[in-house]
Amino acid sequence: MVKVNDLSFNVVEKGTGPAVLLLHGFPDSWYVWRHQIPTLADAGFRVIAPDQRGFGASDKPEEPGDYLMPTLVNDVMGIIDALGEKRVHVIGHDWGAMVGWMLAGIYPKRVERFVALSLGHPTKFTEFSVEQLEKSWYIFLFQFKDAAEKMLTKNDWALFRKWTRHHEETEKQKNELSRPGALRAGLNWYRANLAPETLPAMPLQVPDITVPTMGVWSDGDALLTEGQMKQSYEHITGPWRYDKVDHASHWLQLDQPETINQILIDYLKKTLFEHER
């Protein structure tokens, strides 16, 4: 447990060497990285995988205002500092990728390389193509306090199960969200940062990225389009690489762990970068 910003954060750590920070998204915890942690550690990295604010065994403030993006970024910076790391590789998935984009943009001297899984640069995501709007219906449902919680949990979490497409991880996710205050805390990430009235301003808050960056998207992602990831290069001035993984859902690190692990290790150990557009 690490104390940061008056909250306790559960952090899983393994290995020694250059630090790799793994940031999960909704509705997950550090456990979503269970196939990556030992492999990265064996490859010579110090792996750091926290439960982010509101998730897993970390503290869960109740108010949406406690989940604003600057606060979430400060949490991660605090964890890095508490563990004595000056510079880290960052790998983020879903909301973890959103935090990662912000870290890479605001604190480029603290980020060695950045890998975004599923979610592209926030500016591209919040442009909301028609296709992305269709996939993002749930973001608007999640804004309704109490109503969203009731709808997601009704009939043994039937709507939640449909939202995850009955992924094999669904039961674990449901159990995590059944912790006291956990579902509301997770939904507060959406309420604080993707409320309809704030969306027009979102692109202005994310700097262009100068650090070496890779985006990875999976062909079975039912929540995010390929375009919002593939076009992220428009907001990256440093080296950029894009990889597409076949036969994987939104949770590509679970569906294709060997492929993802190989992509990550190859990229993090790569010594020469090329701009790929």
C-alpha atoms as a PDB file:
ATOM      1  CA  MET A   1       0.000   0.000   0.000  1.00  0.00           C
ATOM      2  CA  VAL A   2       1.296   3.451  -0.970  1.00  0.00           C
ATOM      3  CA  LYS A   3      -0.025   6.658   0.590  1.00  0.00           C
ATOM      4  CA  VAL A   4      -0.548   9.421  -1.991  1.00  0.00           C
ATOM      5  CA  ASN A   5      -2.779  12.508  -1.854  1.00  0.00           C
ATOM      6  CA  ASP A   6      -4.232  11.354   1.487  1.00  0.00           C
ATOM      7  CA  LEU A   7      -5.408   8.072  -0.074  1.00  0.00           C
ATOM      8  CA  SER A   8      -4.067   4.533   0.120  1.00  0.00           C
ATOM      9  CA  PHE A   9      -3.213   2.853  -3.174  1.00  0.00           C
ATOM     10  CA  ASN A  10      -2.751  -0.857  -3.652  1.00  0.00           C
ATOM     11  CA  VAL A  11       0.351  -1.400  -5.815  1.00  0.00           C
ATOM     12  CA  VAL A  12       1.629  -4.686  -7.219  1.00  0.00           C
ATOM     13  CA  GLU A  13       5.346  -4.761  -7.962  1.00  0.00           C
ATOM     14  CA  LYS A  14       7.633  -7.376  -9.504  1.00  0.00           C
ATOM     15  CA  GLY A  15      11.137  -7.495 -10.950  1.00  0.00           C
ATOM     16  CA  THR A  16      14.121  -5.183 -11.123  1.00  0.00           C
ATOM     17  CA  GLY A  17      15.442  -2.899 -13.846  1.00  0.00           C
ATOM     18  CA  PRO A  18      13.927  -0.019 -15.814  1.00  0.00           C
ATOM     19  CA  ALA A  19      10.461   0.752 -14.450  1.00  0.00           C
ATOM     20  CA  VAL A  20       7.316  -0.080 -16.413  1.00  0.00           C
ATOM     21  CA  LEU A  21       4.089   1.416 -15.078  1.00  0.00           C
ATOM     22  CA  LEU A  22       0.884  -0.473 -15.996  1.00  0.00           C
ATOM     23  CA  LEU A  23      -2.346   1.539 -15.779  1.00  0.00           C
ATOM     24  CA  HIS A  24      -5.676  -0.283 -16.015  1.00  0.00           C
ATOM     25  CA  GLY A  25      -9.054   1.145 -16.986  1.00  0.00           C
ATOM     26  CA  PHE A  26     -12.735   0.580 -16.199  1.00  0.00           C
ATOM     27  CA  PRO A  27     -13.945  -1.798 -14.841  1.00  0.00           C
ATOM     28  CA  ASP A  28     -10.646  -3.449 -13.990  1.00  0.00           C
ATOM     29  CA  SER A  29      -7.839  -3.494 -11.421  1.00  0.00           C
ATOM     30  CA  TRP A  30      -4.138  -4.349 -11.523  1.00  0.00           C
ATOM     31  CA  TYR A  31      -5.247  -7.950 -12.106  1.00  0.00           C
ATOM     32  CA  VAL A  32      -6.052  -7.241 -15.751  1.00  0.00           C
ATOM     33  CA  TRP A  33      -2.249  -7.173 -16.287  1.00  0.00           C
ATOM     34  CA  ARG A  34      -1.636 -10.603 -14.739  1.00  0.00           C
ATOM     35  CA  HIS A  35      -0.330 -12.053 -18.019  1.00  0.00           C
ATOM     36  CA  GLN A  36       2.024  -9.124 -18.623  1.00  0.00           C
ATOM     37  CA  ILE A  37       3.551  -8.652 -15.151  1.00  0.00           C
ATOM     38  CA  PRO A  38       5.653 -11.834 -14.908  1.00  0.00           C
ATOM     39  CA  THR A  39       6.723 -11.681 -18.559  1.00  0.00           C
ATOM     40  CA  LEU A  40       7.890  -8.074 -18.314  1.00  0.00           C
ATOM     41  CA  ALA A  41       9.666  -8.811 -15.040  1.00  0.00           C
ATOM     42  CA  ASP A  42      11.438 -11.794 -16.613  1.00  0.00           C
ATOM     43  CA  ALA A  43      12.479  -9.530 -19.484  1.00  0.00           C
ATOM     44  CA  GLY A  44      14.395  -7.293 -17.080  1.00  0.00           C
ATOM     45  CA  PHE A  45      11.904  -4.643 -16.011  1.00  0.00           C
ATOM     46  CA  ARG A  46      10.626  -3.423 -12.663  1.00  0.00           C
ATOM     47  CA  VAL A  47       6.875  -3.705 -13.126  1.00  0.00           C
ATOM     48  CA  ILE A  48       4.581  -1.380 -11.164  1.00  0.00           C
ATOM     49  CA  ALA A  49       0.828  -2.017 -11.422  1.00  0.00           C
ATOM     50  CA  PRO A  50      -1.386   0.082  -9.128  1.00  0.00           C
ATOM     51  CA  ASP A  51      -5.094  -0.107  -8.527  1.00  0.00           C
ATOM     52  CA  GLN A  52      -6.028   3.391  -9.599  1.00  0.00           C
ATOM     53  CA  ARG A  53      -8.202   5.641  -7.455  1.00  0.00           C
ATOM     54  CA  GLY A  54     -11.628   4.054  -6.960  1.00  0.00           C
ATOM     55  CA  PHE A  55     -10.627   0.578  -8.142  1.00  0.00           C
ATOM     56  CA  GLY A  56      -9.535  -2.700  -6.597  1.00  0.00           C
ATOM     57  CA  ALA A  57      -8.157  -2.400  -3.094  1.00  0.00           C
ATOM     58  CA  SER A  58      -7.326   1.309  -3.402  1.00  0.00           C
ATOM     59  CA  ASP A  59      -9.398   3.980  -1.628  1.00  0.00           C
ATOM     60  CA  LYS A  60     -12.681   5.068  -3.208  1.00  0.00           C
ATOM     61  CA  PRO A  61     -13.759   8.687  -2.675  1.00  0.00           C
ATOM     62  CA  GLU A  62     -17.476   9.193  -3.223  1.00  0.00           C
ATOM     63  CA  GLU A  63     -17.746  12.455  -5.178  1.00  0.00           C
ATOM     64  CA  PRO A  64     -17.240  12.860  -8.942  1.00  0.00           C
ATOM     65  CA  GLY A  65     -15.073  15.900  -8.264  1.00  0.00           C
ATOM     66  CA  ASP A  66     -12.522  13.602  -6.656  1.00  0.00           C
ATOM     67  CA  TYR A  67     -11.882  11.972 -10.036  1.00  0.00           C
ATOM     68  CA  LEU A  68     -10.945  14.906 -12.246  1.00  0.00           C
ATOM     69  CA  MET A  69      -8.127  14.069 -14.630  1.00  0.00           C
ATOM     70  CA  PRO A  70      -5.494  16.345 -13.019  1.00  0.00           C
ATOM     71  CA  THR A  71      -6.106  14.534  -9.729  1.00  0.00           C
ATOM     72  CA  LEU A  72      -5.785  11.131 -11.385  1.00  0.00           C
ATOM     73  CA  VAL A  73      -2.524  12.164 -13.035  1.00  0.00           C
ATOM     74  CA  ASN A  74      -1.207  13.473  -9.718  1.00  0.00           C
ATOM     75  CA  ASP A  75      -2.038  10.128  -8.119  1.00  0.00           C
ATOM     76  CA  VAL A  76       0.178   8.324 -10.586  1.00  0.00           C
ATOM     77  CA  MET A  77       2.968  10.854 -10.268  1.00  0.00           C
ATOM     78  CA  GLY A  78       2.779  10.439  -6.501  1.00  0.00           C
ATOM     79  CA  ILE A  79       3.073   6.660  -6.799  1.00  0.00           C
ATOM     80  CA  ILE A  80       6.086   6.988  -9.101  1.00  0.00           C
ATOM     81  CA  ASP A  81       7.748   9.384  -6.665  1.00  0.00           C
ATOM     82  CA  ALA A  82       6.926   7.228  -3.638  1.00  0.00           C
ATOM     83  CA  LEU A  83       8.604   4.251  -5.302  1.00  0.00           C
ATOM     84  CA  GLY A  84      11.711   6.284  -6.095  1.00  0.00           C
ATOM     85  CA  GLU A  85      11.440   6.311  -9.882  1.00  0.00           C
ATOM     86  CA  LYS A  86      12.459   9.384 -11.857  1.00  0.00           C
ATOM     87  CA  ARG A  87      11.555   8.086 -15.317  1.00  0.00           C
ATOM     88  CA  VAL A  88       9.250   5.238 -16.341  1.00  0.00           C
ATOM     89  CA  HIS A  89       7.832   3.441 -19.330  1.00  0.00           C
ATOM     90  CA  VAL A  90       4.039   3.819 -19.239  1.00  0.00           C
ATOM     91  CA  ILE A  91       1.557   1.285 -20.615  1.00  0.00           C
ATOM     92  CA  GLY A  92      -2.111   2.193 -20.289  1.00  0.00           C
ATOM     93  CA  HIS A  93      -5.361   0.528 -21.292  1.00  0.00           C
ATOM     94  CA  ASP A  94      -8.763   2.213 -21.587  1.00  0.00           C
ATOM     95  CA  TRP A  95      -8.908   4.936 -18.868  1.00  0.00           C
ATOM     96  CA  GLY A  96      -5.354   3.986 -17.977  1.00  0.00           C
ATOM     97  CA  ALA A  97      -4.382   5.021 -21.502  1.00  0.00           C
ATOM     98  CA  MET A  98      -6.148   8.367 -20.969  1.00  0.00           C
ATOM     99  CA  VAL A  99      -4.045   8.960 -17.861  1.00  0.00           C
ATOM    100  CA  GLY A 100      -0.987   7.805 -19.793  1.00  0.00           C
ATOM    101  CA  TRP A 101      -1.592  10.260 -22.626  1.00  0.00           C
ATOM    102  CA  MET A 102      -1.822  13.052 -20.058  1.00  0.00           C
ATOM    103  CA  LEU A 103       1.347  11.920 -18.287  1.00  0.00           C
ATOM    104  CA  ALA A 104       3.281  11.761 -21.555  1.00  0.00           C
ATOM    105  CA  GLY A 105       1.993  15.182 -22.590  1.00  0.00           C
ATOM    106  CA  ILE A 106       2.442  17.054 -19.329  1.00  0.00           C
ATOM    107  CA  TYR A 107       5.497  15.307 -17.906  1.00  0.00           C
ATOM    108  CA  PRO A 108       7.547  14.168 -20.920  1.00  0.00           C
ATOM    109  CA  LYS A 109      10.768  14.182 -18.907  1.00  0.00           C
ATOM    110  CA  ARG A 110       9.295  11.546 -16.597  1.00  0.00           C
ATOM    111  CA  VAL A 111       8.074   9.201 -19.373  1.00  0.00           C
ATOM    112  CA  GLU A 112      10.614   7.116 -21.288  1.00  0.00           C
ATOM    113  CA  ARG A 113       8.160   5.570 -23.744  1.00  0.00           C
ATOM    114  CA  PHE A 114       4.385   5.344 -23.813  1.00  0.00           C
ATOM    115  CA  VAL A 115       2.141   2.543 -25.061  1.00  0.00           C
ATOM    116  CA  ALA A 116      -1.606   3.155 -25.391  1.00  0.00           C
ATOM    117  CA  LEU A 117      -3.845   0.122 -25.652  1.00  0.00           C
ATOM    118  CA  SER A 118      -7.305   0.638 -27.186  1.00  0.00           C
ATOM    119  CA  LEU A 119      -7.721   4.373 -26.477  1.00  0.00           C
ATOM    120  CA  GLY A 120      -6.074   6.864 -28.799  1.00  0.00           C
ATOM    121  CA  HIS A 121      -5.071  10.444 -28.117  1.00  0.00           C
ATOM    122  CA  PRO A 122      -7.975  12.047 -26.204  1.00  0.00           C
ATOM    123  CA  THR A 123      -8.323  14.786 -28.793  1.00  0.00           C
ATOM    124  CA  LYS A 124      -9.057  12.206 -31.475  1.00  0.00           C
ATOM    125  CA  PHE A 125     -11.378  10.218 -29.203  1.00  0.00           C
ATOM    126  CA  THR A 126     -13.456  13.233 -28.170  1.00  0.00           C
ATOM    127  CA  GLU A 127     -13.966  14.303 -31.769  1.00  0.00           C
ATOM    128  CA  PHE A 128     -16.547  11.485 -31.737  1.00  0.00           C
ATOM    129  CA  SER A 129     -17.082  10.246 -35.264  1.00  0.00           C
ATOM    130  CA  VAL A 130     -20.553   8.857 -35.896  1.00  0.00           C
ATOM    131  CA  GLU A 131     -19.124   5.346 -35.519  1.00  0.00           C
ATOM    132  CA  GLN A 132     -17.480   6.247 -32.216  1.00  0.00           C
ATOM    133  CA  LEU A 133     -20.655   7.907 -30.943  1.00  0.00           C
ATOM    134  CA  GLU A 134     -22.549   4.704 -31.637  1.00  0.00           C
ATOM    135  CA  LYS A 135     -19.984   2.719 -29.674  1.00  0.00           C
ATOM    136  CA  SER A 136     -19.928   5.276 -26.836  1.00  0.00           C
ATOM    137  CA  TRP A 137     -23.614   5.160 -25.879  1.00  0.00           C
ATOM    138  CA  TYR A 138     -22.713   3.876 -22.432  1.00  0.00           C
ATOM    139  CA  ILE A 139     -20.749   7.030 -21.581  1.00  0.00           C
ATOM    140  CA  PHE A 140     -23.995   8.987 -21.593  1.00  0.00           C
ATOM    141  CA  LEU A 141     -25.825   6.336 -19.572  1.00  0.00           C
ATOM    142  CA  PHE A 142     -23.058   6.402 -16.960  1.00  0.00           C
ATOM    143  CA  GLN A 143     -23.713  10.115 -16.316  1.00  0.00           C
ATOM    144  CA  PHE A 144     -26.996   9.367 -14.515  1.00  0.00           C
ATOM    145  CA  LYS A 145     -26.209   8.913 -10.838  1.00  0.00           C
ATOM    146  CA  ASP A 146     -28.168   6.096  -9.164  1.00  0.00           C
ATOM    147  CA  ALA A 147     -30.028   5.246 -12.386  1.00  0.00           C
ATOM    148  CA  ALA A 148     -26.893   3.894 -14.065  1.00  0.00           C
ATOM    149  CA  GLU A 149     -25.944   1.923 -10.964  1.00  0.00           C
ATOM    150  CA  LYS A 150     -29.397   0.357 -10.802  1.00  0.00           C
ATOM    151  CA  MET A 151     -29.508  -0.464 -14.502  1.00  0.00           C
ATOM    152  CA  LEU A 152     -26.062  -2.064 -14.528  1.00  0.00           C
ATOM    153  CA  THR A 153     -26.711  -4.281 -11.502  1.00  0.00           C
ATOM    154  CA  LYS A 154     -30.330  -5.232 -12.186  1.00  0.00           C
ATOM    155  CA  ASN A 155     -31.064  -8.950 -12.747  1.00  0.00           C
ATOM    156  CA  ASP A 156     -27.612 -10.090 -11.621  1.00  0.00           C
ATOM    157  CA  TRP A 157     -25.769  -7.429 -13.604  1.00  0.00           C
ATOM    158  CA  ALA A 158     -27.486  -8.376 -16.880  1.00  0.00           C
ATOM    159  CA  LEU A 159     -26.801  -5.076 -18.667  1.00  0.00           C
ATOM    160  CA  PHE A 160     -23.205  -5.025 -17.465  1.00  0.00           C
ATOM    161  CA  ARG A 161     -22.721  -8.536 -18.809  1.00  0.00           C
ATOM    162  CA  LYS A 162     -24.083  -7.449 -22.193  1.00  0.00           C
ATOM    163  CA  TRP A 163     -21.839  -4.369 -22.158  1.00  0.00           C
ATOM    164  CA  THR A 164     -18.750  -6.557 -21.683  1.00  0.00           C
ATOM    165  CA  ARG A 165     -20.076  -8.922 -24.382  1.00  0.00           C
ATOM    166  CA  HIS A 166     -20.030 -11.660 -21.745  1.00  0.00           C
ATOM    167  CA  HIS A 167     -16.236 -11.625 -21.744  1.00  0.00           C
ATOM    168  CA  GLU A 168     -14.600 -14.332 -19.654  1.00  0.00           C
ATOM    169  CA  GLU A 169     -13.361 -11.549 -17.339  1.00  0.00           C
ATOM    170  CA  THR A 170     -16.903 -10.320 -16.622  1.00  0.00           C
ATOM    171  CA  GLU A 171     -17.410 -12.300 -13.423  1.00  0.00           C
ATOM    172  CA  LYS A 172     -14.131 -11.012 -11.956  1.00  0.00           C
ATOM    173  CA  GLN A 173     -15.047  -7.453 -12.945  1.00  0.00           C
ATOM    174  CA  LYS A 174     -18.501  -7.811 -11.409  1.00  0.00           C
ATOM    175  CA  ASN A 175     -16.980  -9.045  -8.164  1.00  0.00           C
ATOM    176  CA  GLU A 176     -14.574  -6.089  -8.074  1.00  0.00           C
ATOM    177  CA  LEU A 177     -17.377  -3.609  -8.699  1.00  0.00           C
ATOM    178  CA  SER A 178     -19.442  -5.233  -5.944  1.00  0.00           C
ATOM    179  CA  ARG A 179     -17.005  -3.944  -3.317  1.00  0.00           C
ATOM    180  CA  PRO A 180     -18.571  -1.164  -1.205  1.00  0.00           C
ATOM    181  CA  GLY A 181     -18.544   2.065  -3.203  1.00  0.00           C
ATOM    182  CA  ALA A 182     -16.673   0.530  -6.136  1.00  0.00           C
ATOM    183  CA  LEU A 183     -19.265   0.831  -8.902  1.00  0.00           C
ATOM    184  CA  ARG A 184     -19.986   4.459  -8.111  1.00  0.00           C
ATOM    185  CA  ALA A 185     -16.281   5.204  -7.907  1.00  0.00           C
ATOM    186  CA  GLY A 186     -15.662   3.670 -11.320  1.00  0.00           C
ATOM    187  CA  LEU A 187     -18.550   5.553 -12.897  1.00  0.00           C
ATOM    188  CA  ASN A 188     -17.243   8.773 -11.350  1.00  0.00           C
ATOM    189  CA  TRP A 189     -14.318   8.649 -13.774  1.00  0.00           C
ATOM    190  CA  TYR A 190     -16.871   9.172 -16.563  1.00  0.00           C
ATOM    191  CA  ARG A 191     -18.923  11.725 -14.629  1.00  0.00           C
ATOM    192  CA  ALA A 192     -15.914  13.843 -13.799  1.00  0.00           C
ATOM    193  CA  ASN A 193     -14.162  13.783 -17.171  1.00  0.00           C
ATOM    194  CA  LEU A 194     -16.670  12.932 -19.901  1.00  0.00           C
ATOM    195  CA  ALA A 195     -19.769  14.844 -18.863  1.00  0.00           C
ATOM    196  CA  PRO A 196     -21.448  16.238 -22.017  1.00  0.00           C
ATOM    197  CA  GLU A 197     -20.905  19.844 -20.985  1.00  0.00           C
ATOM    198  CA  THR A 198     -17.125  19.308 -20.611  1.00  0.00           C
ATOM    199  CA  LEU A 199     -16.464  17.409 -23.821  1.00  0.00           C
ATOM    200  CA  PRO A 200     -15.938  20.456 -26.082  1.00  0.00           C
ATOM    201  CA  ALA A 201     -13.034  21.561 -23.881  1.00  0.00           C
ATOM    202  CA  MET A 202     -11.348  18.174 -23.567  1.00  0.00           C
ATOM    203  CA  PRO A 203      -9.049  18.448 -26.610  1.00  0.00           C
ATOM    204  CA  LEU A 204      -7.585  21.706 -25.281  1.00  0.00           C
ATOM    205  CA  GLN A 205      -6.382  19.979 -22.118  1.00  0.00           C
ATOM    206  CA  VAL A 206      -4.122  17.374 -23.740  1.00  0.00           C
ATOM    207  CA  PRO A 207      -0.741  18.505 -25.064  1.00  0.00           C
ATOM    208  CA  ASP A 208       0.831  17.020 -28.159  1.00  0.00           C
ATOM    209  CA  ILE A 209       3.099  14.101 -27.377  1.00  0.00           C
ATOM    210  CA  THR A 210       6.862  14.343 -27.826  1.00  0.00           C
ATOM    211  CA  VAL A 211       7.955  11.033 -26.262  1.00  0.00           C
ATOM    212  CA  PRO A 212       8.193   7.825 -28.319  1.00  0.00           C
ATOM    213  CA  THR A 213       4.658   6.437 -28.466  1.00  0.00           C
ATOM    214  CA  MET A 214       2.953   3.301 -29.722  1.00  0.00           C
ATOM    215  CA  GLY A 215      -0.771   2.727 -30.135  1.00  0.00           C
ATOM    216  CA  VAL A 216      -2.267  -0.778 -30.181  1.00  0.00           C
ATOM    217  CA  TRP A 217      -5.873  -1.473 -31.174  1.00  0.00           C
ATOM    218  CA  SER A 218      -7.722  -4.789 -31.499  1.00  0.00           C
ATOM    219  CA  ASP A 219     -10.067  -5.730 -34.307  1.00  0.00           C
ATOM    220  CA  GLY A 220     -12.806  -6.981 -31.950  1.00  0.00           C
ATOM    221  CA  ASP A 221     -13.017  -3.819 -29.833  1.00  0.00           C
ATOM    222  CA  ALA A 222     -16.731  -3.080 -29.398  1.00  0.00           C
ATOM    223  CA  LEU A 223     -16.113   0.158 -27.490  1.00  0.00           C
ATOM    224  CA  LEU A 224     -13.498   2.059 -29.475  1.00  0.00           C
ATOM    225  CA  THR A 225     -12.924   2.571 -33.199  1.00  0.00           C
ATOM    226  CA  GLU A 226      -9.679   2.032 -35.040  1.00  0.00           C
ATOM    227  CA  GLY A 227      -9.745   5.581 -36.388  1.00  0.00           C
ATOM    228  CA  GLN A 228      -9.399   7.307 -33.024  1.00  0.00           C
ATOM    229  CA  MET A 229      -6.236   5.294 -32.403  1.00  0.00           C
ATOM    230  CA  LYS A 230      -4.757   5.202 -35.872  1.00  0.00           C
ATOM    231  CA  GLN A 231      -5.144   8.962 -36.343  1.00  0.00           C
ATOM    232  CA  SER A 232      -3.476   9.788 -33.034  1.00  0.00           C
ATOM    233  CA  TYR A 233      -0.283  10.543 -34.965  1.00  0.00           C
ATOM    234  CA  GLU A 234      -1.791  13.945 -35.756  1.00  0.00           C
ATOM    235  CA  HIS A 235      -1.071  14.907 -32.137  1.00  0.00           C
ATOM    236  CA  ILE A 236       2.321  13.233 -31.774  1.00  0.00           C
ATOM    237  CA  THR A 237       5.518  15.064 -32.684  1.00  0.00           C
ATOM    238  CA  GLY A 238       7.815  12.305 -31.433  1.00  0.00           C
ATOM    239  CA  PRO A 239       8.300   8.829 -32.926  1.00  0.00           C
ATOM    240  CA  TRP A 240       4.990   7.008 -33.479  1.00  0.00           C
ATOM    241  CA  ARG A 241       4.133   3.392 -34.209  1.00  0.00           C
ATOM    242  CA  TYR A 242       0.752   1.742 -34.686  1.00  0.00           C
ATOM    243  CA  ASP A 243       0.021  -1.978 -34.287  1.00  0.00           C
ATOM    244  CA  LYS A 244      -3.248  -3.833 -34.848  1.00  0.00           C
ATOM    245  CA  VAL A 245      -4.004  -7.083 -33.038  1.00  0.00           C
ATOM    246  CA  ASP A 246      -6.407  -9.567 -34.609  1.00  0.00           C
ATOM    247  CA  HIS A 247      -8.894 -11.823 -32.853  1.00  0.00           C
ATOM    248  CA  ALA A 248      -9.091  -9.819 -29.642  1.00  0.00           C
ATOM    249  CA  SER A 249     -11.801  -7.861 -27.867  1.00  0.00           C
ATOM    250  CA  HIS A 250     -11.424  -4.575 -25.986  1.00  0.00           C
ATOM    251  CA  TRP A 251      -9.440  -6.576 -23.412  1.00  0.00           C
ATOM    252  CA  LEU A 252      -6.667  -7.454 -25.847  1.00  0.00           C
ATOM    253  CA  GLN A 253      -4.064  -8.057 -23.121  1.00  0.00           C
ATOM    254  CA  LEU A 254      -6.259 -10.905 -21.856  1.00  0.00           C
ATOM    255  CA  ASP A 255      -7.378 -12.304 -25.211  1.00  0.00           C
ATOM    256  CA  GLN A 256      -3.961 -12.287 -26.913  1.00  0.00           C
ATOM    257  CA  PRO A 257      -1.440 -12.142 -24.048  1.00  0.00           C
ATOM    258  CA  GLU A 258       1.474 -13.695 -25.923  1.00  0.00           C
ATOM    259  CA  THR A 259       1.053 -11.301 -28.848  1.00  0.00           C
ATOM    260  CA  ILE A 260       0.728  -8.272 -26.582  1.00  0.00           C
ATOM    261  CA  ASN A 261       3.696  -9.331 -24.458  1.00  0.00           C
ATOM    262  CA  GLN A 262       5.897  -9.706 -27.518  1.00  0.00           C
ATOM    263  CA  ILE A 263       4.805  -6.332 -28.897  1.00  0.00           C
ATOM    264  CA  LEU A 264       5.524  -4.636 -25.569  1.00  0.00           C
ATOM    265  CA  ILE A 265       8.926  -6.211 -25.000  1.00  0.00           C
ATOM    266  CA  ASP A 266      10.056  -5.566 -28.575  1.00  0.00           C
ATOM    267  CA  TYR A 267       8.984  -1.944 -28.322  1.00  0.00           C
ATOM    268  CA  LEU A 268      10.381  -1.196 -24.889  1.00  0.00           C
ATOM    269  CA  LYS A 269      13.742  -2.711 -25.789  1.00  0.00           C
ATOM    270  CA  LYS A 270      13.935  -1.170 -29.234  1.00  0.00           C
ATOM    271  CA  THR A 271      16.909   1.173 -29.549  1.00  0.00           C
ATOM    272  CA  LEU A 272      16.107   2.858 -32.866  1.00  0.00           C
ATOM    273  CA  PHE A 273      12.819   4.583 -33.562  1.00  0.00           C
ATOM    274  CA  GLU A 274      11.283   5.471 -36.888  1.00  0.00           C
ATOM    275  CA  HIS A 275       8.325   7.675 -37.588  1.00  0.00           C
ATOM    276  CA  GLU A 276       5.551   5.472 -38.932  1.00  0.00           C
ATOM    277  CA  ARG A 277       2.524   7.228 -40.306  1.00  0.00           C
END
